Amino acid sequence: MNVSVAEAKAKFSELIKRAEAGEEIVVTRHGKAVARVMPPEPERELLPRIGALKGKIWIAEDFDAPLDDFKDYMK
């Protein structure tokens, strides 16, 4: 559905209801599209943050050991 900016201002609540119902509304100015009012994307299920990667990541024992390539810079 295409509506002008003036019409969108006058019927904003109605346009929001239509977007909630799944309709896409294109707002135009002088016949050119300037914005779209769309229903939100379905929310994705998020992984739990704390402990989500437990057992999937490991850190090597020498992780923070100095690198041989940087010996000249560590004097």
PDB file of N, CA and C in Angstrom:
ATOM      1  N   MET A   1       0.846  -1.163   0.000  1.00  0.00           N
ATOM      2  CA  MET A   1       0.000   0.000   0.000  1.00  0.00           C
ATOM      3  C   MET A   1       0.897   1.234   0.000  1.00  0.00           C
ATOM      4  N   ASN A   2       0.634   2.193  -0.843  1.00  0.00           N
ATOM      5  CA  ASN A   2       1.368   3.456  -0.906  1.00  0.00           C
ATOM      6  C   ASN A   2       0.517   4.573  -0.307  1.00  0.00           C
ATOM      7  N   VAL A   3       1.142   5.403   0.542  1.00  0.00           N
ATOM      8  CA  VAL A   3       0.454   6.557   1.106  1.00  0.00           C
ATOM      9  C   VAL A   3       1.407   7.744   1.084  1.00  0.00           C
ATOM     10  N   SER A   4       0.852   8.927   0.961  1.00  0.00           N
ATOM     11  CA  SER A   4       1.680  10.137   0.989  1.00  0.00           C
ATOM     12  C   SER A   4       2.071  10.446   2.436  1.00  0.00           C
ATOM     13  N   VAL A   5       3.056  11.312   2.597  1.00  0.00           N
ATOM     14  CA  VAL A   5       3.496  11.708   3.929  1.00  0.00           C
ATOM     15  C   VAL A   5       2.333  12.341   4.690  1.00  0.00           C
ATOM     16  N   ALA A   6       1.586  13.211   4.039  1.00  0.00           N
ATOM     17  CA  ALA A   6       0.458  13.884   4.696  1.00  0.00           C
ATOM     18  C   ALA A   6      -0.588  12.864   5.153  1.00  0.00           C
ATOM     19  N   GLU A   7      -0.901  11.909   4.302  1.00  0.00           N
ATOM     20  CA  GLU A   7      -1.878  10.882   4.664  1.00  0.00           C
ATOM     21  C   GLU A   7      -1.341  10.006   5.794  1.00  0.00           C
ATOM     22  N   ALA A   8      -0.041   9.704   5.755  1.00  0.00           N
ATOM     23  CA  ALA A   8       0.573   8.892   6.810  1.00  0.00           C
ATOM     24  C   ALA A   8       0.487   9.598   8.155  1.00  0.00           C
ATOM     25  N   LYS A   9       0.707  10.921   8.166  1.00  0.00           N
ATOM     26  CA  LYS A   9       0.599  11.690   9.403  1.00  0.00           C
ATOM     27  C   LYS A   9      -0.832  11.633   9.942  1.00  0.00           C
ATOM     28  N   ALA A  10      -1.797  11.743   9.056  1.00  0.00           N
ATOM     29  CA  ALA A  10      -3.194  11.777   9.470  1.00  0.00           C
ATOM     30  C   ALA A  10      -3.705  10.407   9.935  1.00  0.00           C
ATOM     31  N   LYS A  11      -3.145   9.330   9.376  1.00  0.00           N
ATOM     32  CA  LYS A  11      -3.656   7.981   9.662  1.00  0.00           C
ATOM     33  C   LYS A  11      -2.585   7.076  10.272  1.00  0.00           C
ATOM     34  N   PHE A  12      -1.687   7.666  11.052  1.00  0.00           N
ATOM     35  CA  PHE A  12      -0.549   6.903  11.572  1.00  0.00           C
ATOM     36  C   PHE A  12      -0.987   5.672  12.361  1.00  0.00           C
ATOM     37  N   SER A  13      -1.920   5.832  13.277  1.00  0.00           N
ATOM     38  CA  SER A  13      -2.371   4.700  14.104  1.00  0.00           C
ATOM     39  C   SER A  13      -2.934   3.574  13.245  1.00  0.00           C
ATOM     40  N   GLU A  14      -3.717   3.935  12.251  1.00  0.00           N
ATOM     41  CA  GLU A  14      -4.287   2.928  11.352  1.00  0.00           C
ATOM     42  C   GLU A  14      -3.186   2.194  10.583  1.00  0.00           C
ATOM     43  N   LEU A  15      -2.195   2.945  10.107  1.00  0.00           N
ATOM     44  CA  LEU A  15      -1.098   2.327   9.357  1.00  0.00           C
ATOM     45  C   LEU A  15      -0.297   1.370  10.243  1.00  0.00           C
ATOM     46  N   ILE A  16      -0.101   1.749  11.501  1.00  0.00           N
ATOM     47  CA  ILE A  16       0.620   0.866  12.423  1.00  0.00           C
ATOM     48  C   ILE A  16      -0.166  -0.425  12.632  1.00  0.00           C
ATOM     49  N   LYS A  17      -1.468  -0.332  12.793  1.00  0.00           N
ATOM     50  CA  LYS A  17      -2.294  -1.539  12.953  1.00  0.00           C
ATOM     51  C   LYS A  17      -2.194  -2.444  11.732  1.00  0.00           C
ATOM     52  N   ARG A  18      -2.190  -1.831  10.559  1.00  0.00           N
ATOM     53  CA  ARG A  18      -2.094  -2.627   9.331  1.00  0.00           C
ATOM     54  C   ARG A  18      -0.727  -3.302   9.228  1.00  0.00           C
ATOM     55  N   ALA A  19       0.327  -2.588   9.644  1.00  0.00           N
ATOM     56  CA  ALA A  19       1.673  -3.183   9.638  1.00  0.00           C
ATOM     57  C   ALA A  19       1.736  -4.341  10.630  1.00  0.00           C
ATOM     58  N   GLU A  20       1.115  -4.177  11.792  1.00  0.00           N
ATOM     59  CA  GLU A  20       1.079  -5.266  12.776  1.00  0.00           C
ATOM     60  C   GLU A  20       0.384  -6.500  12.211  1.00  0.00           C
ATOM     61  N   ALA A  21      -0.575  -6.271  11.338  1.00  0.00           N
ATOM     62  CA  ALA A  21      -1.306  -7.378  10.718  1.00  0.00           C
ATOM     63  C   ALA A  21      -0.526  -8.020   9.573  1.00  0.00           C
ATOM     64  N   GLY A  22       0.658  -7.472   9.251  1.00  0.00           N
ATOM     65  CA  GLY A  22       1.495  -8.080   8.228  1.00  0.00           C
ATOM     66  C   GLY A  22       1.607  -7.314   6.931  1.00  0.00           C
ATOM     67  N   GLU A  23       0.945  -6.193   6.821  1.00  0.00           N
ATOM     68  CA  GLU A  23       0.971  -5.411   5.582  1.00  0.00           C
ATOM     69  C   GLU A  23       2.183  -4.475   5.553  1.00  0.00           C
ATOM     70  N   GLU A  24       2.749  -4.286   4.380  1.00  0.00           N
ATOM     71  CA  GLU A  24       3.853  -3.335   4.205  1.00  0.00           C
ATOM     72  C   GLU A  24       3.294  -2.048   3.620  1.00  0.00           C
ATOM     73  N   ILE A  25       3.625  -0.917   4.249  1.00  0.00           N
ATOM     74  CA  ILE A  25       3.155   0.382   3.796  1.00  0.00           C
ATOM     75  C   ILE A  25       4.341   1.192   3.310  1.00  0.00           C
ATOM     76  N   VAL A  26       4.239   1.745   2.103  1.00  0.00           N
ATOM     77  CA  VAL A  26       5.293   2.579   1.542  1.00  0.00           C
ATOM     78  C   VAL A  26       4.831   4.029   1.630  1.00  0.00           C
ATOM     79  N   VAL A  27       5.641   4.867   2.293  1.00  0.00           N
ATOM     80  CA  VAL A  27       5.319   6.282   2.427  1.00  0.00           C
ATOM     81  C   VAL A  27       6.031   7.026   1.301  1.00  0.00           C
ATOM     82  N   THR A  28       5.280   7.878   0.601  1.00  0.00           N
ATOM     83  CA  THR A  28       5.837   8.579  -0.553  1.00  0.00           C
ATOM     84  C   THR A  28       5.798  10.088  -0.363  1.00  0.00           C
ATOM     85  N   ARG A  29       6.731  10.766  -1.014  1.00  0.00           N
ATOM     86  CA  ARG A  29       6.742  12.230  -1.077  1.00  0.00           C
ATOM     87  C   ARG A  29       6.915  12.590  -2.547  1.00  0.00           C
ATOM     88  N   HIS A  30       5.962  13.315  -3.069  1.00  0.00           N
ATOM     89  CA  HIS A  30       5.964  13.697  -4.498  1.00  0.00           C
ATOM     90  C   HIS A  30       6.076  12.471  -5.401  1.00  0.00           C
ATOM     91  N   GLY A  31       5.416  11.398  -4.998  1.00  0.00           N
ATOM     92  CA  GLY A  31       5.376  10.185  -5.807  1.00  0.00           C
ATOM     93  C   GLY A  31       6.578   9.266  -5.665  1.00  0.00           C
ATOM     94  N   LYS A  32       7.575   9.644  -4.865  1.00  0.00           N
ATOM     95  CA  LYS A  32       8.769   8.811  -4.686  1.00  0.00           C
ATOM     96  C   LYS A  32       8.774   8.206  -3.280  1.00  0.00           C
ATOM     97  N   ALA A  33       9.102   6.948  -3.202  1.00  0.00           N
ATOM     98  CA  ALA A  33       9.145   6.248  -1.914  1.00  0.00           C
ATOM     99  C   ALA A  33      10.229   6.852  -1.030  1.00  0.00           C
ATOM    100  N   VAL A  34       9.867   7.154   0.221  1.00  0.00           N
ATOM    101  CA  VAL A  34      10.833   7.714   1.164  1.00  0.00           C
ATOM    102  C   VAL A  34      10.968   6.865   2.427  1.00  0.00           C
ATOM    103  N   ALA A  35      10.004   5.989   2.695  1.00  0.00           N
ATOM    104  CA  ALA A  35      10.067   5.146   3.895  1.00  0.00           C
ATOM    105  C   ALA A  35       9.136   3.957   3.736  1.00  0.00           C
ATOM    106  N   ARG A  36       9.406   2.923   4.548  1.00  0.00           N
ATOM    107  CA  ARG A  36       8.536   1.756   4.588  1.00  0.00           C
ATOM    108  C   ARG A  36       8.162   1.474   6.036  1.00  0.00           C
ATOM    109  N   VAL A  37       6.907   1.162   6.262  1.00  0.00           N
ATOM    110  CA  VAL A  37       6.440   0.718   7.568  1.00  0.00           C
ATOM    111  C   VAL A  37       6.105  -0.756   7.392  1.00  0.00           C
ATOM    112  N   MET A  38       6.833  -1.590   8.142  1.00  0.00           N
ATOM    113  CA  MET A  38       6.707  -3.040   7.965  1.00  0.00           C
ATOM    114  C   MET A  38       6.512  -3.709   9.313  1.00  0.00           C
ATOM    115  N   PRO A  39       5.938  -4.899   9.303  1.00  0.00           N
ATOM    116  CA  PRO A  39       5.849  -5.638  10.557  1.00  0.00           C
ATOM    117  C   PRO A  39       7.254  -6.058  10.995  1.00  0.00           C
ATOM    118  N   PRO A  40       7.488  -6.190  12.287  1.00  0.00           N
ATOM    119  CA  PRO A  40       8.812  -6.595  12.745  1.00  0.00           C
ATOM    120  C   PRO A  40       9.094  -8.045  12.374  1.00  0.00           C
ATOM    121  N   GLU A  41      10.361  -8.358  12.251  1.00  0.00           N
ATOM    122  CA  GLU A  41      10.748  -9.747  11.997  1.00  0.00           C
ATOM    123  C   GLU A  41      10.480 -10.557  13.256  1.00  0.00           C
ATOM    124  N   PRO A  42      10.145 -11.825  13.097  1.00  0.00           N
ATOM    125  CA  PRO A  42       9.931 -12.658  14.283  1.00  0.00           C
ATOM    126  C   PRO A  42      11.208 -12.697  15.125  1.00  0.00           C
ATOM    127  N   GLU A  43      11.034 -12.662  16.433  1.00  0.00           N
ATOM    128  CA  GLU A  43      12.198 -12.681  17.300  1.00  0.00           C
ATOM    129  C   GLU A  43      12.828 -14.068  17.291  1.00  0.00           C
ATOM    130  N   ARG A  44      14.152 -14.066  17.204  1.00  0.00           N
ATOM    131  CA  ARG A  44      14.885 -15.327  17.212  1.00  0.00           C
ATOM    132  C   ARG A  44      15.158 -15.728  18.654  1.00  0.00           C
ATOM    133  N   GLU A  45      15.222 -17.006  18.861  1.00  0.00           N
ATOM    134  CA  GLU A  45      15.557 -17.502  20.190  1.00  0.00           C
ATOM    135  C   GLU A  45      17.048 -17.282  20.419  1.00  0.00           C
ATOM    136  N   LEU A  46      17.372 -16.611  21.493  1.00  0.00           N
ATOM    137  CA  LEU A  46      18.763 -16.317  21.800  1.00  0.00           C
ATOM    138  C   LEU A  46      19.357 -17.400  22.684  1.00  0.00           C
ATOM    139  N   LEU A  47      20.643 -17.634  22.491  1.00  0.00           N
ATOM    140  CA  LEU A  47      21.343 -18.564  23.366  1.00  0.00           C
ATOM    141  C   LEU A  47      21.499 -17.939  24.741  1.00  0.00           C
ATOM    142  N   PRO A  48      21.475 -18.736  25.759  1.00  0.00           N
ATOM    143  CA  PRO A  48      21.779 -18.169  27.069  1.00  0.00           C
ATOM    144  C   PRO A  48      23.221 -17.673  27.059  1.00  0.00           C
ATOM    145  N   ARG A  49      23.465 -16.530  27.649  1.00  0.00           N
ATOM    146  CA  ARG A  49      24.799 -15.938  27.578  1.00  0.00           C
ATOM    147  C   ARG A  49      25.793 -16.618  28.507  1.00  0.00           C
ATOM    148  N   ILE A  50      25.426 -16.781  29.749  1.00  0.00           N
ATOM    149  CA  ILE A  50      26.378 -17.341  30.714  1.00  0.00           C
ATOM    150  C   ILE A  50      26.427 -18.849  30.534  1.00  0.00           C
ATOM    151  N   GLY A  51      27.604 -19.348  30.221  1.00  0.00           N
ATOM    152  CA  GLY A  51      27.803 -20.781  30.075  1.00  0.00           C
ATOM    153  C   GLY A  51      27.382 -21.350  28.741  1.00  0.00           C
ATOM    154  N   ALA A  52      27.008 -20.513  27.785  1.00  0.00           N
ATOM    155  CA  ALA A  52      26.513 -21.006  26.503  1.00  0.00           C
ATOM    156  C   ALA A  52      27.571 -21.787  25.735  1.00  0.00           C
ATOM    157  N   LEU A  53      28.839 -21.449  25.919  1.00  0.00           N
ATOM    158  CA  LEU A  53      29.907 -22.120  25.166  1.00  0.00           C
ATOM    159  C   LEU A  53      30.758 -23.036  26.045  1.00  0.00           C
ATOM    160  N   LYS A  54      30.238 -23.378  27.211  1.00  0.00           N
ATOM    161  CA  LYS A  54      30.991 -24.232  28.128  1.00  0.00           C
ATOM    162  C   LYS A  54      31.358 -25.544  27.440  1.00  0.00           C
ATOM    163  N   GLY A  55      32.643 -25.874  27.514  1.00  0.00           N
ATOM    164  CA  GLY A  55      33.135 -27.106  26.918  1.00  0.00           C
ATOM    165  C   GLY A  55      33.421 -27.011  25.429  1.00  0.00           C
ATOM    166  N   LYS A  56      33.167 -25.872  24.812  1.00  0.00           N
ATOM    167  CA  LYS A  56      33.386 -25.715  23.370  1.00  0.00           C
ATOM    168  C   LYS A  56      34.620 -24.880  23.066  1.00  0.00           C
ATOM    169  N   ILE A  57      35.138 -24.201  24.062  1.00  0.00           N
ATOM    170  CA  ILE A  57      36.307 -23.345  23.868  1.00  0.00           C
ATOM    171  C   ILE A  57      37.377 -23.757  24.864  1.00  0.00           C
ATOM    172  N   TRP A  58      38.609 -23.763  24.409  1.00  0.00           N
ATOM    173  CA  TRP A  58      39.721 -24.040  25.320  1.00  0.00           C
ATOM    174  C   TRP A  58      40.822 -23.041  25.048  1.00  0.00           C
ATOM    175  N   ILE A  59      41.638 -22.803  26.054  1.00  0.00           N
ATOM    176  CA  ILE A  59      42.762 -21.879  25.931  1.00  0.00           C
ATOM    177  C   ILE A  59      44.036 -22.668  26.183  1.00  0.00           C
ATOM    178  N   ALA A  60      44.983 -22.550  25.276  1.00  0.00           N
ATOM    179  CA  ALA A  60      46.250 -23.280  25.399  1.00  0.00           C
ATOM    180  C   ALA A  60      46.994 -22.828  26.657  1.00  0.00           C
ATOM    181  N   GLU A  61      47.757 -23.734  27.246  1.00  0.00           N
ATOM    182  CA  GLU A  61      48.529 -23.431  28.458  1.00  0.00           C
ATOM    183  C   GLU A  61      49.495 -22.262  28.232  1.00  0.00           C
ATOM    184  N   ASP A  62      50.062 -22.184  27.031  1.00  0.00           N
ATOM    185  CA  ASP A  62      51.050 -21.134  26.748  1.00  0.00           C
ATOM    186  C   ASP A  62      50.423 -19.917  26.053  1.00  0.00           C
ATOM    187  N   PHE A  63      49.144 -19.697  26.238  1.00  0.00           N
ATOM    188  CA  PHE A  63      48.423 -18.618  25.578  1.00  0.00           C
ATOM    189  C   PHE A  63      49.104 -17.262  25.762  1.00  0.00           C
ATOM    190  N   ASP A  64      49.511 -16.953  26.981  1.00  0.00           N
ATOM    191  CA  ASP A  64      50.087 -15.639  27.238  1.00  0.00           C
ATOM    192  C   ASP A  64      51.610 -15.651  27.348  1.00  0.00           C
ATOM    193  N   ALA A  65      52.231 -16.703  26.863  1.00  0.00           N
ATOM    194  CA  ALA A  65      53.697 -16.768  26.862  1.00  0.00           C
ATOM    195  C   ALA A  65      54.245 -15.837  25.782  1.00  0.00           C
ATOM    196  N   PRO A  66      55.393 -15.222  26.045  1.00  0.00           N
ATOM    197  CA  PRO A  66      55.989 -14.334  25.035  1.00  0.00           C
ATOM    198  C   PRO A  66      56.273 -15.068  23.721  1.00  0.00           C
ATOM    199  N   LEU A  67      56.080 -14.383  22.626  1.00  0.00           N
ATOM    200  CA  LEU A  67      56.339 -14.965  21.309  1.00  0.00           C
ATOM    201  C   LEU A  67      57.784 -14.717  20.914  1.00  0.00           C
ATOM    202  N   ASP A  68      58.386 -15.702  20.235  1.00  0.00           N
ATOM    203  CA  ASP A  68      59.768 -15.558  19.797  1.00  0.00           C
ATOM    204  C   ASP A  68      59.931 -14.387  18.829  1.00  0.00           C
ATOM    205  N   ASP A  69      58.952 -14.108  18.022  1.00  0.00           N
ATOM    206  CA  ASP A  69      59.026 -13.046  17.035  1.00  0.00           C
ATOM    207  C   ASP A  69      59.158 -11.648  17.671  1.00  0.00           C
ATOM    208  N   PHE A  70      58.799 -11.524  18.945  1.00  0.00           N
ATOM    209  CA  PHE A  70      58.791 -10.213  19.598  1.00  0.00           C
ATOM    210  C   PHE A  70      59.888 -10.056  20.657  1.00  0.00           C
ATOM    211  N   LYS A  71      60.851 -10.965  20.670  1.00  0.00           N
ATOM    212  CA  LYS A  71      61.911 -10.899  21.674  1.00  0.00           C
ATOM    213  C   LYS A  71      62.676  -9.572  21.596  1.00  0.00           C
ATOM    214  N   ASP A  72      62.896  -9.068  20.375  1.00  0.00           N
ATOM    215  CA  ASP A  72      63.645  -7.815  20.215  1.00  0.00           C
ATOM    216  C   ASP A  72      62.899  -6.613  20.803  1.00  0.00           C
ATOM    217  N   TYR A  73      61.602  -6.690  20.902  1.00  0.00           N
ATOM    218  CA  TYR A  73      60.810  -5.566  21.400  1.00  0.00           C
ATOM    219  C   TYR A  73      60.563  -5.636  22.905  1.00  0.00           C
ATOM    220  N   MET A  74      60.941  -6.723  23.529  1.00  0.00           N
ATOM    221  CA  MET A  74      60.633  -6.937  24.933  1.00  0.00           C
ATOM    222  C   MET A  74      61.859  -6.739  25.847  1.00  0.00           C
ATOM    223  N   LYS A  75      62.771  -5.922  25.444  1.00  0.00           N
ATOM    224  CA  LYS A  75      63.979  -5.705  26.258  1.00  0.00           C
ATOM    225  C   LYS A  75      63.813  -4.525  27.152  1.00  0.00           C
TER     226      LYS A  75
END
